[in-house]
Amino acid sequence: MTEGSANVGAALRAGYSDLGASINACWAALLAAIVLTVLATALPPAIKTLALVVATVIAQGALYRRAFGRASGLKGLRWGRDEWRLLGAHVMALGLIVLIGSILLVVVGAIALGVARASAPDLDVGSASAWRQALASAGPAGLIAGLAPVASLAVLVWLALRLALVAPATVDQSGVRVLSAFPLTKGRVATLLAAVLALALPPLAVRGLVGASLPRADGLLAAIVAMMTYLYLAPVLAGALTHIYRQSAVIQDA
């Protein structure tokens, strides 16, 4: 077994071994997050996003306060300084991802336009078929233009993984930690990616099966996804990320 696979296995064991205890200790906060997530489906997009962030903060606040031995509140349900810090950290992290994503979108658009214009000087930018024809006839340059969005997505995934320990660092260190959490994930992107994919696979599979079986049951699907998210994914992910965070913090302090 390689060191990388051992690290992933240890993180998964840490997440699964604490699942039952986490739910038992934080069920009120997790239930509140589920209800807020389901209610958010009926809200306007901007308010919906805020409601989903708040639901995440409520659940993470309870789970990470428990992980680091902080005051639990009523079965995890409370809104205190840790939650305010987590809210600020999430807003800053999302803002950073949106900023980088916007820059990458401009770069991808510029590459595609440059390649298409070189292949078809009279390109009709409002025609999807004209774009397809121009990029298809551009040769190797068209392949580069096609790979640019994939590369941009990879950059955003990498950035999200580098920010994966923002929540545990923020709660443990009693301060908003965003860019300062970057060193904690140095050399651990592959471990984080493998752990997150392994933990997220069951709820993704359930969502796919329910969505295919009940294509018009949006409310039921939202409720099932919310329950899978906060009664399974959030607790096991918190356990796994806490394990990785503690390992990283020890190495960083050494």
Protein backbone atom coordinates (compact mmCIF):
# COMPACT_ATOMS: atom_id res chain seq x y z
CA MET A 1 0.00 0.00 0.00
CA THR A 2 1.42 3.39 -0.98
CA GLU A 3 1.60 6.33 1.39
CA GLY A 4 -1.07 8.18 -0.61
CA SER A 5 -3.58 5.32 -0.48
CA ALA A 6 -2.84 4.85 3.23
CA ASN A 7 -3.58 8.53 3.86
CA VAL A 8 -6.85 8.28 1.95
CA GLY A 9 -7.82 5.12 3.84
CA ALA A 10 -7.06 6.75 7.19
CA ALA A 11 -9.16 9.79 6.29
CA LEU A 12 -12.09 7.61 5.20
CA ARG A 13 -11.89 5.54 8.39
CA ALA A 14 -11.84 8.71 10.47
CA GLY A 15 -14.94 9.96 8.69
CA TYR A 16 -16.97 6.75 8.86
CA SER A 17 -15.96 5.77 12.39
CA ASP A 18 -17.39 8.99 13.83
CA LEU A 19 -20.57 9.13 11.74
CA GLY A 20 -23.01 7.80 14.33
CA ALA A 21 -21.57 9.82 17.20
CA SER A 22 -21.60 13.00 15.11
CA ILE A 23 -25.25 12.59 14.18
CA ASN A 24 -26.21 11.81 17.78
CA ALA A 25 -24.36 14.87 19.12
CA CYS A 26 -25.38 17.32 16.38
CA TRP A 27 -28.77 16.10 15.17
CA ALA A 28 -30.61 19.36 15.90
CA ALA A 29 -28.16 21.43 13.83
CA LEU A 30 -28.22 18.86 11.02
CA LEU A 31 -32.03 18.81 11.03
CA ALA A 32 -32.09 22.63 10.86
CA ALA A 33 -29.72 22.51 7.89
CA ILE A 34 -31.95 19.98 6.13
CA VAL A 35 -35.09 22.07 6.65
CA LEU A 36 -33.37 25.26 5.49
CA THR A 37 -31.99 23.50 2.41
CA VAL A 38 -35.41 22.16 1.42
CA LEU A 39 -37.08 25.54 2.00
CA ALA A 40 -34.37 27.21 -0.09
CA THR A 41 -35.70 25.50 -3.23
CA ALA A 42 -38.67 27.91 -3.18
CA LEU A 43 -36.53 31.05 -2.79
CA PRO A 44 -35.17 33.42 -5.49
CA PRO A 45 -31.68 32.44 -6.72
CA ALA A 46 -29.70 35.07 -4.78
CA ILE A 47 -31.51 34.37 -1.49
CA LYS A 48 -31.35 30.64 -2.17
CA THR A 49 -27.57 30.77 -2.39
CA LEU A 50 -27.35 32.62 0.93
CA ALA A 51 -29.74 30.14 2.57
CA LEU A 52 -27.64 27.20 1.37
CA VAL A 53 -24.47 28.82 2.70
CA VAL A 54 -26.16 29.43 6.07
CA ALA A 55 -27.34 25.79 6.17
CA THR A 56 -23.77 24.66 5.50
CA VAL A 57 -22.44 26.94 8.23
CA ILE A 58 -24.98 25.65 10.79
CA ALA A 59 -23.99 22.04 10.10
CA GLN A 60 -20.26 22.68 9.91
CA GLY A 61 -20.32 24.83 13.03
CA ALA A 62 -21.87 22.01 15.03
CA LEU A 63 -19.64 19.29 13.59
CA TYR A 64 -16.33 21.13 13.90
CA ARG A 65 -17.13 22.56 17.33
CA ARG A 66 -17.68 19.00 18.47
CA ALA A 67 -14.49 17.82 16.74
CA PHE A 68 -12.40 20.43 18.56
CA GLY A 69 -14.14 20.18 21.91
CA ARG A 70 -16.05 23.46 21.81
CA ALA A 71 -19.43 24.27 23.39
CA SER A 72 -22.04 22.22 21.57
CA GLY A 73 -25.23 24.21 22.10
CA LEU A 74 -28.54 22.33 21.90
CA LYS A 75 -27.48 19.13 20.13
CA GLY A 76 -25.16 21.25 18.00
CA LEU A 77 -27.72 23.94 17.24
CA ARG A 78 -26.46 27.44 17.99
CA TRP A 79 -25.23 30.54 16.20
CA GLY A 80 -22.17 31.99 17.84
CA ARG A 81 -18.76 33.37 16.99
CA ASP A 82 -17.64 30.19 15.27
CA GLU A 83 -20.62 30.36 12.91
CA TRP A 84 -19.97 34.02 12.11
CA ARG A 85 -16.34 33.19 11.37
CA LEU A 86 -17.37 30.25 9.19
CA LEU A 87 -19.84 32.44 7.32
CA GLY A 88 -17.13 35.00 6.64
CA ALA A 89 -14.69 32.29 5.57
CA HIS A 90 -17.19 30.75 3.16
CA VAL A 91 -18.11 34.10 1.64
CA MET A 92 -14.43 34.94 1.12
CA ALA A 93 -13.65 31.50 -0.32
CA LEU A 94 -16.63 31.63 -2.68
CA GLY A 95 -15.65 35.15 -3.71
CA LEU A 96 -12.12 33.96 -4.52
CA ILE A 97 -13.41 31.04 -6.57
CA VAL A 98 -15.86 33.29 -8.45
CA LEU A 99 -13.09 35.82 -9.13
CA ILE A 100 -10.69 33.19 -10.48
CA GLY A 101 -13.53 31.56 -12.43
CA SER A 102 -14.45 34.89 -14.03
CA ILE A 103 -10.84 35.49 -15.08
CA LEU A 104 -10.61 31.99 -16.54
CA LEU A 105 -13.90 32.51 -18.39
CA VAL A 106 -12.50 35.62 -20.06
CA VAL A 107 -9.29 33.76 -20.97
CA VAL A 108 -11.21 30.79 -22.41
CA GLY A 109 -13.47 33.13 -24.38
CA ALA A 110 -10.49 35.05 -25.76
CA ILE A 111 -8.76 31.83 -26.84
CA ALA A 112 -11.90 30.50 -28.51
CA LEU A 113 -12.58 33.81 -30.29
CA GLY A 114 -8.97 34.13 -31.46
CA VAL A 115 -8.91 30.58 -32.84
CA ALA A 116 -12.33 30.93 -34.47
CA ARG A 117 -11.46 34.30 -36.04
CA ALA A 118 -8.21 32.90 -37.41
CA SER A 119 -10.08 29.98 -38.97
CA ALA A 120 -13.09 32.03 -40.17
CA PRO A 121 -12.39 35.78 -40.44
CA ASP A 122 -16.05 36.47 -41.22
CA LEU A 123 -17.32 34.51 -38.22
CA ASP A 124 -20.89 35.21 -37.14
CA VAL A 125 -20.40 35.27 -33.37
CA GLY A 126 -24.14 34.93 -32.80
CA SER A 127 -24.37 31.59 -34.61
CA ALA A 128 -23.60 28.39 -32.69
CA SER A 129 -23.18 26.43 -35.91
CA ALA A 130 -20.69 29.00 -37.21
CA TRP A 131 -18.65 28.60 -34.01
CA ARG A 132 -18.66 24.79 -34.32
CA GLN A 133 -17.62 24.92 -37.96
CA ALA A 134 -14.87 27.46 -37.32
CA LEU A 135 -13.38 25.52 -34.40
CA ALA A 136 -13.70 22.19 -36.23
CA SER A 137 -11.73 23.54 -39.19
CA ALA A 138 -9.05 25.20 -37.05
CA GLY A 139 -6.88 22.06 -36.80
CA PRO A 140 -4.59 21.77 -33.73
CA ALA A 141 -5.60 25.27 -32.62
CA GLY A 142 -9.20 24.06 -32.38
CA LEU A 143 -8.07 21.26 -30.07
CA ILE A 144 -6.33 23.81 -27.85
CA ALA A 145 -9.50 25.89 -27.75
CA GLY A 146 -11.46 22.78 -26.77
CA LEU A 147 -9.03 21.87 -24.00
CA ALA A 148 -9.02 25.37 -22.50
CA PRO A 149 -12.37 24.92 -20.66
CA VAL A 150 -11.21 21.55 -19.30
CA ALA A 151 -7.99 23.12 -18.03
CA SER A 152 -9.96 25.95 -16.44
CA LEU A 153 -12.25 23.49 -14.67
CA ALA A 154 -9.20 21.62 -13.40
CA VAL A 155 -7.82 24.88 -11.98
CA LEU A 156 -11.09 25.58 -10.15
CA VAL A 157 -11.21 22.03 -8.74
CA TRP A 158 -7.59 22.41 -7.58
CA LEU A 159 -8.44 25.75 -5.94
CA ALA A 160 -11.47 24.28 -4.17
CA LEU A 161 -9.35 21.42 -2.83
CA ARG A 162 -6.64 23.82 -1.64
CA LEU A 163 -9.41 25.60 0.31
CA ALA A 164 -10.87 22.36 1.69
CA LEU A 165 -9.45 22.90 5.19
CA VAL A 166 -10.80 26.42 5.59
CA ALA A 167 -13.66 25.31 7.87
CA PRO A 168 -11.68 23.19 10.36
CA ALA A 169 -8.88 25.77 10.46
CA THR A 170 -11.36 28.59 11.08
CA VAL A 171 -13.01 26.80 14.01
CA ASP A 172 -9.84 25.38 15.54
CA GLN A 173 -7.87 28.64 15.33
CA SER A 174 -10.82 30.90 16.29
CA GLY A 175 -10.30 33.17 13.32
CA VAL A 176 -11.26 33.41 9.66
CA ARG A 177 -8.74 31.30 7.73
CA VAL A 178 -8.87 31.33 3.93
CA LEU A 179 -5.57 32.00 2.18
CA SER A 180 -3.75 31.21 5.42
CA ALA A 181 -5.20 27.68 5.17
CA PHE A 182 -3.41 27.12 1.85
CA PRO A 183 -0.20 25.74 3.42
CA LEU A 184 -2.26 23.07 5.20
CA THR A 185 -3.22 21.43 1.90
CA LYS A 186 0.20 21.61 0.28
CA GLY A 187 0.99 18.18 -1.17
CA ARG A 188 -2.42 16.82 -0.15
CA VAL A 189 -4.55 17.68 -3.18
CA ALA A 190 -4.58 14.09 -4.47
CA THR A 191 -5.51 12.75 -1.03
CA LEU A 192 -8.28 15.30 -0.65
CA LEU A 193 -9.63 14.61 -4.14
CA ALA A 194 -9.71 10.84 -3.61
CA ALA A 195 -11.32 11.17 -0.17
CA VAL A 196 -13.98 13.64 -1.32
CA LEU A 197 -14.87 11.55 -4.37
CA ALA A 198 -15.12 8.36 -2.31
CA LEU A 199 -17.33 10.01 0.31
CA ALA A 200 -19.53 11.84 -2.22
CA LEU A 201 -20.18 8.79 -4.41
CA PRO A 202 -23.11 7.32 -2.39
CA PRO A 203 -25.23 10.52 -2.28
CA LEU A 204 -24.48 11.17 -5.96
CA ALA A 205 -25.61 7.64 -6.81
CA VAL A 206 -28.80 8.03 -4.75
CA ARG A 207 -29.55 11.36 -6.39
CA GLY A 208 -29.09 9.85 -9.83
CA LEU A 209 -31.31 6.88 -9.08
CA VAL A 210 -34.10 8.95 -7.51
CA GLY A 211 -33.90 11.55 -10.27
CA ALA A 212 -34.18 8.86 -12.94
CA SER A 213 -37.00 7.02 -11.16
CA LEU A 214 -39.03 10.12 -10.20
CA PRO A 215 -38.19 12.80 -12.77
CA ARG A 216 -41.03 15.11 -11.73
CA ALA A 217 -40.72 14.76 -7.95
CA ASP A 218 -38.54 17.83 -7.41
CA GLY A 219 -39.63 18.36 -3.80
CA LEU A 220 -38.99 14.74 -2.84
CA LEU A 221 -35.62 14.79 -4.61
CA ALA A 222 -34.60 17.97 -2.79
CA ALA A 223 -35.55 16.42 0.57
CA ILE A 224 -33.64 13.19 -0.14
CA VAL A 225 -30.56 15.08 -1.31
CA ALA A 226 -30.68 17.32 1.77
CA MET A 227 -30.95 14.33 4.10
CA MET A 228 -28.09 12.51 2.37
CA THR A 229 -26.01 15.69 2.51
CA TYR A 230 -26.46 16.46 6.20
CA LEU A 231 -27.05 13.01 7.73
CA TYR A 232 -24.22 11.37 5.79
CA LEU A 233 -21.91 13.55 3.69
CA ALA A 234 -21.43 16.49 6.07
CA PRO A 235 -20.56 14.33 9.13
CA VAL A 236 -18.21 11.91 7.32
CA LEU A 237 -16.56 14.75 5.42
CA ALA A 238 -16.05 16.71 8.64
CA GLY A 239 -14.45 13.67 10.24
CA ALA A 240 -12.16 13.05 7.26
CA LEU A 241 -11.16 16.71 6.90
CA THR A 242 -10.53 17.04 10.64
CA HIS A 243 -8.19 14.07 10.43
CA ILE A 244 -6.31 15.56 7.46
CA TYR A 245 -6.23 18.98 9.12
CA ARG A 246 -4.70 17.61 12.31
CA GLN A 247 -2.05 15.76 10.35
CA SER A 248 -1.25 18.87 8.32
CA ALA A 249 -1.14 21.11 11.40
CA VAL A 250 1.30 18.76 13.13
CA ILE A 251 3.60 18.69 10.09
CA GLN A 252 3.38 22.48 9.70
CA ASP A 253 4.26 23.04 13.36
CA ALA A 254 7.16 20.60 13.27
